[in-house]
Protein backbone atom coordinates (compact mmCIF):
# COMPACT_ATOMS: atom_id res chain seq x y z
CA MET A 1 -13.07 4.22 14.39
CA SER A 2 -9.39 3.29 14.08
CA LYS A 3 -10.27 -0.43 14.19
CA ILE A 4 -12.43 -0.01 11.08
CA TYR A 5 -9.65 1.97 9.40
CA PHE A 6 -7.04 -0.69 10.17
CA SER A 7 -9.26 -3.56 9.03
CA ILE A 8 -9.87 -1.80 5.69
CA LEU A 9 -6.15 -1.08 5.40
CA SER A 10 -5.24 -4.68 6.25
CA PHE A 11 -7.70 -5.97 3.66
CA PHE A 12 -6.19 -3.58 1.10
CA SER A 13 -2.66 -4.67 2.03
CA ILE A 14 -3.54 -8.36 1.68
CA GLY A 15 -5.11 -7.70 -1.71
CA LEU A 16 -2.01 -5.77 -2.74
CA ALA A 17 0.27 -8.59 -1.61
CA GLN A 18 -1.78 -11.23 -3.44
CA SER A 19 -1.66 -9.31 -6.72
CA ASN A 20 1.59 -9.44 -8.67
CA LEU A 21 3.30 -6.73 -6.64
CA THR A 22 6.64 -6.63 -8.46
CA GLU A 23 4.96 -6.32 -11.84
CA SER A 24 2.74 -3.52 -10.54
CA VAL A 25 5.70 -1.64 -9.11
CA GLY A 26 7.65 -2.15 -12.35
CA ASN A 27 4.73 -0.78 -14.36
CA ALA A 28 4.42 2.18 -12.01
CA ILE A 29 8.11 3.01 -12.35
CA THR A 30 8.16 2.73 -16.15
CA SER A 31 4.93 4.68 -16.66
CA GLU A 32 3.96 8.23 -15.74
CA PRO A 33 5.26 9.98 -12.57
CA SER A 34 1.80 10.25 -10.99
CA ASN A 35 1.79 6.44 -10.58
CA ILE A 36 5.08 6.61 -8.70
CA LYS A 37 3.62 9.23 -6.35
CA TRP A 38 0.61 6.97 -5.76
CA TRP A 39 2.83 4.01 -4.92
CA ILE A 40 4.88 6.12 -2.50
CA ILE A 41 1.68 7.27 -0.78
CA VAL A 42 0.44 3.66 -0.52
CA ALA A 43 3.80 2.51 0.87
CA ILE A 44 3.76 5.27 3.51
CA ILE A 45 0.17 4.51 4.54
CA VAL A 46 0.74 0.76 4.76
CA GLY A 47 4.05 1.23 6.58
CA ALA A 48 2.48 3.60 9.09
CA ALA A 49 -0.41 1.20 9.68
CA PHE A 50 1.88 -1.73 10.43
CA TYR A 51 4.09 0.45 12.63
CA LEU A 52 1.12 1.64 14.70
CA ARG A 53 -0.23 -1.90 14.88
CA MET A 54 3.05 -3.30 16.22
CA LYS A 55 3.38 -0.47 18.75
C-alpha cells in the first residue's frame, strides 16, 4: 500500500519539479490565501515522503 502511495507521490513531485516551480510559488503567494495553504500542505506531504524514504 505504502509503495503505491510513494510512487504516486514521487511522480507528483517530479511533475512539480519539472513545472516552473518558482513561478508557481510566486503566483501562489501573490494570489489568494487558499493557494498558500495548498502549497504549504504540498510541501509538508512531499517533505514527509522524502524523510520517510530516506529513513
